[in-house]
Amino acid sequence: MPVTLNTLATKGENGAAMMPIIQGVGRAAVEISYLLRGAVFRDALGEAGAENVQGERQQKIDLLSDEIFLEEMRATGHVCAVGSEEQEALQVIDEYADAEWIVLVDPLDGSSNLDIDGPVGTIFSVVRRKNGAGGRPVEADCLCAGNSVVAAGYVLYGPATMLVCSVGSGVDGFTWHPNDGRFELSHPDIRVPATGGYYSVNESNADKWLDGMGDKLAAMKKATGLGMRYVGSMVADMHRTLLKGGVFLYPADEKNRNGKLRLLYEAIPMGFLVQQAGGKAMTSPTLSVLDVEPEALHQRVPVYLGSASAVDALLGCG
């Protein structure tokens, strides 16, 4: 018999509690996948005519995906609020405002790839509300460091729809089986290869990187011989890194001096997965992504994620 998402209930101390939420993520993934396949025929592509809190032009499909994810989290009955990259404020689910769990999500990572039919994804994490269950949740409830994350994962919408997640006991990959109508275990116990793989970065900005990162990357390439692969969707690039090894990096630069990627919606969930898979997640040579104490819902940080050997070779922090 195929192994399904239900197996997560047997993993770790929080697996059973996370099952309704991750099943909700799975339902949202199927809906978003269906939306993506027909987006060109439904006038769902192109700009929505507004900007998100980061000042980026929102795509129609970003907002539709955000709505789908919120409604599926509401349907779980276990989530009190959702923090989304697409929304300035925490979205409280009033009918379950006393619930214990908050979900943080980038509902459609890499949506600019859709114009060229490129891969995109969803990134999520689950935290226990900081000030305890009961009462209406507030933003401070979800400002939890990555070392307190209970579950995290991503969905990759590519040739197949794949859900990769962890409930704090390793990393497993599940692929949507359209004939059976369910996610089935396809990549058990994912581990980042210790050597080999690729580096993934938008290298066209190297002359603007801070902290000498351009020179550090050049030295790492010479020392490791890693080749470059870069899709421009964090989910797709990190999926390759998890399976093939190497390092994904998004340094701070002259325009984004605090980094570009969002701590709560991108860096922490991916950092959690990387460490659960035996890799390393850093925001500087001396600070792990999971040790950063969040100060705001849309805080940004530099990220360096991948095999320990590649991250150390890049940052000189071995």
Protein backbone atom coordinates (compact mmCIF):
# COMPACT_ATOMS: atom_id res chain seq x y z
CA MET A 1 0.00 0.00 0.00
CA PRO A 2 1.28 3.51 -0.80
CA VAL A 3 2.32 5.62 2.19
CA THR A 4 0.27 8.83 2.42
CA LEU A 5 0.43 12.07 4.40
CA ASN A 6 -1.14 10.19 7.31
CA THR A 7 2.29 8.79 8.14
CA LEU A 8 3.29 12.21 9.51
CA ALA A 9 1.06 11.52 12.52
CA THR A 10 3.60 8.92 13.66
CA LYS A 11 6.59 11.28 13.46
CA GLY A 12 7.92 13.27 16.39
CA GLU A 13 5.99 14.61 19.35
CA ASN A 14 3.88 17.02 17.28
CA GLY A 15 3.14 14.90 14.20
CA ALA A 16 -0.42 14.02 15.21
CA ALA A 17 -1.25 17.64 16.06
CA MET A 18 0.15 18.81 12.73
CA MET A 19 -1.80 16.34 10.60
CA PRO A 20 -4.98 18.45 10.13
CA ILE A 21 -2.90 21.49 9.22
CA ILE A 22 -0.61 19.72 6.75
CA GLN A 23 -3.61 17.99 5.21
CA GLY A 24 -5.06 21.49 4.78
CA VAL A 25 -1.83 22.57 3.09
CA GLY A 26 -2.23 19.58 0.79
CA ARG A 27 -5.79 20.59 -0.15
CA ALA A 28 -4.64 24.15 -0.82
CA ALA A 29 -1.80 22.79 -2.97
CA VAL A 30 -4.20 20.79 -5.13
CA GLU A 31 -6.45 23.83 -5.60
CA ILE A 32 -3.53 26.11 -6.43
CA SER A 33 -2.11 23.52 -8.83
CA TYR A 34 -5.46 23.38 -10.62
CA LEU A 35 -5.59 27.18 -10.72
CA LEU A 36 -2.10 27.35 -12.22
CA ARG A 37 -2.86 24.83 -14.95
CA GLY A 38 -5.79 26.88 -16.22
CA ALA A 39 -4.65 30.39 -15.27
CA VAL A 40 -4.04 31.51 -18.85
CA PHE A 41 -7.66 30.66 -19.72
CA ARG A 42 -9.18 32.29 -16.63
CA ASP A 43 -7.64 35.75 -16.89
CA ALA A 44 -5.68 34.90 -13.74
CA LEU A 45 -2.26 36.01 -15.03
CA GLY A 46 -0.81 39.51 -14.96
CA GLU A 47 -0.71 42.25 -12.36
CA ALA A 48 -3.56 42.79 -9.92
CA GLY A 49 -3.04 46.57 -9.94
CA ALA A 50 -1.77 46.83 -6.36
CA GLU A 51 1.42 46.46 -4.35
CA ASN A 52 2.06 44.26 -1.33
CA VAL A 53 3.56 45.54 1.91
CA GLN A 54 7.07 45.11 0.47
CA GLY A 55 6.26 47.47 -2.41
CA GLU A 56 6.20 44.67 -4.99
CA ARG A 57 3.61 44.55 -7.75
CA GLN A 58 1.11 41.85 -6.84
CA GLN A 59 0.04 39.33 -9.44
CA LYS A 60 -3.59 38.28 -9.71
CA ILE A 61 -2.61 34.72 -9.03
CA ASP A 62 -0.73 35.74 -5.86
CA LEU A 63 -3.97 37.04 -4.38
CA LEU A 64 -6.03 34.05 -5.52
CA SER A 65 -3.50 31.65 -4.02
CA ASP A 66 -3.52 33.65 -0.80
CA GLU A 67 -7.32 33.36 -0.59
CA ILE A 68 -7.19 29.60 -1.22
CA PHE A 69 -4.59 29.06 1.49
CA LEU A 70 -6.46 31.13 4.08
CA GLU A 71 -9.72 29.26 3.46
CA GLU A 72 -8.06 25.85 3.73
CA MET A 73 -6.40 26.87 7.00
CA ARG A 74 -9.82 28.02 8.24
CA ALA A 75 -11.25 24.62 7.26
CA THR A 76 -8.78 22.78 9.49
CA GLY A 77 -10.45 24.17 12.62
CA HIS A 78 -7.05 24.25 14.33
CA VAL A 79 -5.51 27.53 13.09
CA CYS A 80 -6.21 30.84 14.82
CA ALA A 81 -4.43 33.09 12.31
CA VAL A 82 -2.42 33.18 9.09
CA GLY A 83 0.49 35.51 8.42
CA SER A 84 0.97 35.95 4.68
CA GLU A 85 3.60 37.64 2.58
CA GLU A 86 0.72 39.14 0.59
CA GLN A 87 -1.03 40.75 3.58
CA GLU A 88 0.25 43.64 5.68
CA ALA A 89 -1.41 42.43 8.89
CA LEU A 90 -1.97 39.08 10.55
CA GLN A 91 -5.20 37.49 9.25
CA VAL A 92 -7.19 36.29 12.26
CA ILE A 93 -9.61 33.39 11.78
CA ASP A 94 -12.33 34.67 14.09
CA GLU A 95 -14.27 31.44 14.56
CA TYR A 96 -11.10 29.67 15.78
CA ALA A 97 -9.37 32.65 17.44
CA ASP A 98 -8.74 30.57 20.57
CA ALA A 99 -6.84 27.88 18.67
CA GLU A 100 -3.20 27.11 19.42
CA TRP A 101 -1.53 27.31 16.00
CA ILE A 102 -0.48 30.09 13.62
CA VAL A 103 0.54 29.38 10.02
CA LEU A 104 2.97 31.63 8.14
CA VAL A 105 2.97 31.41 4.34
CA ASP A 106 4.34 32.68 1.08
CA PRO A 107 1.36 31.46 -0.97
CA LEU A 108 3.00 31.65 -4.38
CA ASP A 109 6.77 31.98 -4.44
CA GLY A 110 8.29 32.87 -7.83
CA SER A 111 5.06 34.02 -9.48
CA SER A 112 7.04 36.10 -12.00
CA ASN A 113 8.02 32.74 -13.53
CA LEU A 114 4.46 32.13 -14.67
CA ASP A 115 4.85 34.31 -17.76
CA ILE A 116 7.37 31.74 -19.05
CA ASP A 117 5.59 28.66 -17.64
CA GLY A 118 8.34 28.23 -15.06
CA PRO A 119 8.11 26.41 -11.71
CA VAL A 120 6.61 28.16 -8.68
CA GLY A 121 5.83 27.09 -5.13
CA THR A 122 4.24 27.63 -1.74
CA ILE A 123 6.31 27.96 1.48
CA PHE A 124 4.81 27.53 4.96
CA SER A 125 5.61 27.04 8.62
CA VAL A 126 3.56 26.38 11.75
CA VAL A 127 4.24 27.93 15.14
CA ARG A 128 2.54 27.66 18.51
CA ARG A 129 1.24 31.12 19.36
CA LYS A 130 3.81 32.84 21.51
CA ASN A 131 1.56 34.05 24.31
CA GLY A 132 -0.50 30.87 24.62
CA ALA A 133 -3.91 29.86 23.33
CA GLY A 134 -6.98 31.84 24.26
CA GLY A 135 -8.15 35.28 23.23
CA ARG A 136 -7.64 37.01 19.93
CA PRO A 137 -4.14 36.48 18.46
CA VAL A 138 -1.95 39.49 17.69
CA GLU A 139 1.17 39.98 15.57
CA ALA A 140 3.48 39.40 18.52
CA ASP A 141 2.10 35.87 18.85
CA CYS A 142 3.78 34.77 15.62
CA LEU A 143 7.16 36.48 16.09
CA CYS A 144 8.83 33.19 16.98
CA ALA A 145 12.45 32.29 16.27
CA GLY A 146 12.98 29.41 13.89
CA ASN A 147 14.19 27.09 16.64
CA SER A 148 10.60 27.03 17.97
CA VAL A 149 8.96 26.12 14.64
CA VAL A 150 6.84 22.99 14.97
CA ALA A 151 6.44 22.13 11.27
CA ALA A 152 7.46 23.61 7.93
CA GLY A 153 7.51 22.76 4.28
CA TYR A 154 6.94 23.77 0.71
CA VAL A 155 4.94 22.76 -2.32
CA LEU A 156 6.63 22.66 -5.72
CA TYR A 157 4.35 23.11 -8.72
CA GLY A 158 6.37 21.60 -11.55
CA PRO A 159 5.81 18.64 -13.88
CA ALA A 160 4.38 17.04 -10.72
CA THR A 161 2.98 18.70 -7.60
CA MET A 162 5.18 17.80 -4.65
CA LEU A 163 4.77 18.55 -0.94
CA VAL A 164 8.01 18.45 1.07
CA CYS A 165 7.64 18.87 4.82
CA SER A 166 8.94 18.18 8.30
CA VAL A 167 7.22 17.93 11.66
CA GLY A 168 10.58 18.05 13.43
CA SER A 169 11.60 14.47 12.72
CA GLY A 170 13.40 14.51 9.37
CA VAL A 171 12.15 15.61 5.95
CA ASP A 172 9.85 13.67 3.63
CA GLY A 173 8.59 14.39 0.13
CA PHE A 174 5.08 13.48 -1.06
CA THR A 175 3.99 13.63 -4.70
CA TRP A 176 0.37 14.17 -5.79
CA HIS A 177 -0.97 11.07 -7.51
CA PRO A 178 -3.74 12.35 -9.80
CA ASN A 179 -5.27 8.93 -10.39
CA ASP A 180 -5.47 8.11 -6.68
CA GLY A 181 -6.34 11.69 -5.67
CA ARG A 182 -3.83 11.88 -2.81
CA PHE A 183 -0.25 12.74 -1.89
CA GLU A 184 1.92 9.63 -1.68
CA LEU A 185 5.37 9.29 -0.16
CA SER A 186 7.92 9.49 -2.98
CA HIS A 187 11.05 10.85 -1.30
CA PRO A 188 11.44 9.45 2.24
CA ASP A 189 14.01 10.83 4.67
CA ILE A 190 15.52 13.50 2.41
CA ARG A 191 19.12 14.32 3.35
CA VAL A 192 21.23 17.09 1.83
CA PRO A 193 24.24 15.44 0.12
CA ALA A 194 27.39 16.33 2.02
CA THR A 195 29.33 17.16 -1.15
CA GLY A 196 28.63 18.01 -4.77
CA GLY A 197 25.60 19.78 -6.18
CA TYR A 198 25.31 23.37 -7.34
CA TYR A 199 25.24 26.94 -6.11
CA SER A 200 22.08 28.97 -6.76
CA VAL A 201 22.09 32.77 -6.80
CA ASN A 202 21.28 35.75 -8.99
CA GLU A 203 24.94 36.41 -9.74
CA SER A 204 24.20 39.51 -11.84
CA ASN A 205 24.04 41.45 -8.55
CA ALA A 206 27.45 40.28 -7.33
CA ASP A 207 29.06 43.71 -7.73
CA LYS A 208 26.44 45.15 -5.35
CA TRP A 209 26.66 42.51 -2.61
CA LEU A 210 27.77 43.62 0.83
CA ASP A 211 30.28 42.00 3.21
CA GLY A 212 32.65 40.98 0.41
CA MET A 213 30.26 38.25 -0.65
CA GLY A 214 31.30 38.48 -4.29
CA ASP A 215 34.89 37.59 -3.38
CA LYS A 216 33.69 34.88 -1.00
CA LEU A 217 31.58 33.27 -3.73
CA ALA A 218 34.51 33.33 -6.15
CA ALA A 219 36.73 31.64 -3.54
CA MET A 220 34.05 29.02 -2.83
CA LYS A 221 33.64 28.20 -6.52
CA LYS A 222 37.38 27.73 -6.84
CA ALA A 223 37.57 25.56 -3.72
CA THR A 224 34.54 23.36 -4.42
CA GLY A 225 34.14 23.38 -8.19
CA LEU A 226 30.36 23.75 -7.85
CA GLY A 227 28.48 24.69 -11.00
CA MET A 228 25.63 27.20 -11.12
CA ARG A 229 21.91 26.50 -11.46
CA TYR A 230 19.32 29.23 -10.83
CA VAL A 231 15.57 29.20 -11.52
CA GLY A 232 14.50 32.35 -9.67
CA SER A 233 11.92 30.56 -7.53
CA MET A 234 13.22 29.83 -4.04
CA VAL A 235 11.16 26.65 -3.85
CA ALA A 236 12.58 25.26 -7.10
CA ASP A 237 16.16 26.26 -6.27
CA MET A 238 15.95 24.93 -2.71
CA HIS A 239 14.35 21.69 -3.89
CA ARG A 240 17.40 21.10 -6.08
CA THR A 241 19.71 21.97 -3.19
CA LEU A 242 17.99 19.51 -0.84
CA LEU A 243 18.14 16.68 -3.37
CA LYS A 244 21.46 17.40 -5.12
CA GLY A 245 23.50 19.35 -2.58
CA GLY A 246 25.35 22.65 -2.77
CA VAL A 247 24.21 26.04 -1.52
CA PHE A 248 21.44 28.57 -2.10
CA LEU A 249 22.30 32.16 -1.26
CA TYR A 250 20.61 35.55 -1.29
CA PRO A 251 23.08 38.07 0.17
CA ALA A 252 22.36 41.61 1.32
CA ASP A 253 23.18 44.24 -1.28
CA GLU A 254 23.33 48.01 -1.68
CA LYS A 255 19.58 48.21 -2.32
CA ASN A 256 18.51 45.61 0.26
CA ARG A 257 20.97 46.18 3.07
CA ASN A 258 19.04 43.92 5.46
CA GLY A 259 18.60 41.22 2.85
CA LYS A 260 15.76 40.54 0.42
CA LEU A 261 14.10 37.33 1.59
CA ARG A 262 11.48 37.38 4.33
CA LEU A 263 12.52 35.87 7.64
CA LEU A 264 9.13 34.43 8.61
CA TYR A 265 7.85 33.37 5.20
CA GLU A 266 10.98 32.15 3.42
CA ALA A 267 14.18 32.02 5.48
CA ILE A 268 12.88 30.27 8.60
CA PRO A 269 10.75 27.58 6.88
CA MET A 270 13.55 26.71 4.45
CA GLY A 271 16.18 26.93 7.18
CA PHE A 272 14.15 24.54 9.32
CA LEU A 273 13.91 22.04 6.45
CA VAL A 274 17.60 22.30 5.60
CA GLN A 275 18.66 21.63 9.18
CA GLN A 276 16.17 18.77 9.52
CA ALA A 277 17.77 17.31 6.37
CA GLY A 278 21.27 17.52 7.87
CA GLY A 279 22.34 20.78 6.24
CA LYS A 280 23.16 24.26 7.48
CA ALA A 281 21.13 27.49 7.49
CA MET A 282 22.95 30.76 8.18
CA THR A 283 22.19 34.46 7.90
CA SER A 284 25.81 35.48 8.63
CA PRO A 285 29.06 33.64 9.40
CA THR A 286 28.14 33.63 13.10
CA LEU A 287 24.32 33.51 13.21
CA SER A 288 21.97 30.68 12.26
CA VAL A 289 18.73 31.61 10.51
CA LEU A 290 16.85 29.72 13.22
CA ASP A 291 18.41 31.81 16.00
CA VAL A 292 17.23 35.17 14.63
CA GLU A 293 14.60 36.71 16.92
CA PRO A 294 11.88 38.19 14.66
CA GLU A 295 10.97 41.80 15.31
CA ALA A 296 8.36 42.34 12.60
CA LEU A 297 5.97 40.34 10.42
CA HIS A 298 7.76 41.25 7.18
CA GLN A 299 11.38 41.38 8.38
CA ARG A 300 14.08 40.49 5.83
CA VAL A 301 17.44 38.75 6.22
CA PRO A 302 20.32 37.47 4.07
CA VAL A 303 20.29 33.67 3.68
CA TYR A 304 22.87 30.96 3.00
CA LEU A 305 21.31 27.48 2.94
CA GLY A 306 22.64 24.09 1.92
CA SER A 307 25.15 21.43 2.78
CA ALA A 308 27.37 22.28 5.75
CA SER A 309 30.51 21.96 3.63
CA ALA A 310 29.27 24.37 0.95
CA VAL A 311 27.91 26.93 3.42
CA ASP A 312 31.16 26.80 5.41
CA ALA A 313 33.25 27.16 2.27
CA LEU A 314 31.22 30.23 1.31
CA LEU A 315 31.09 31.97 4.69
CA GLY A 316 34.33 30.71 6.20
CA CYS A 317 32.48 29.52 9.29
CA GLY A 318 33.52 25.88 9.47
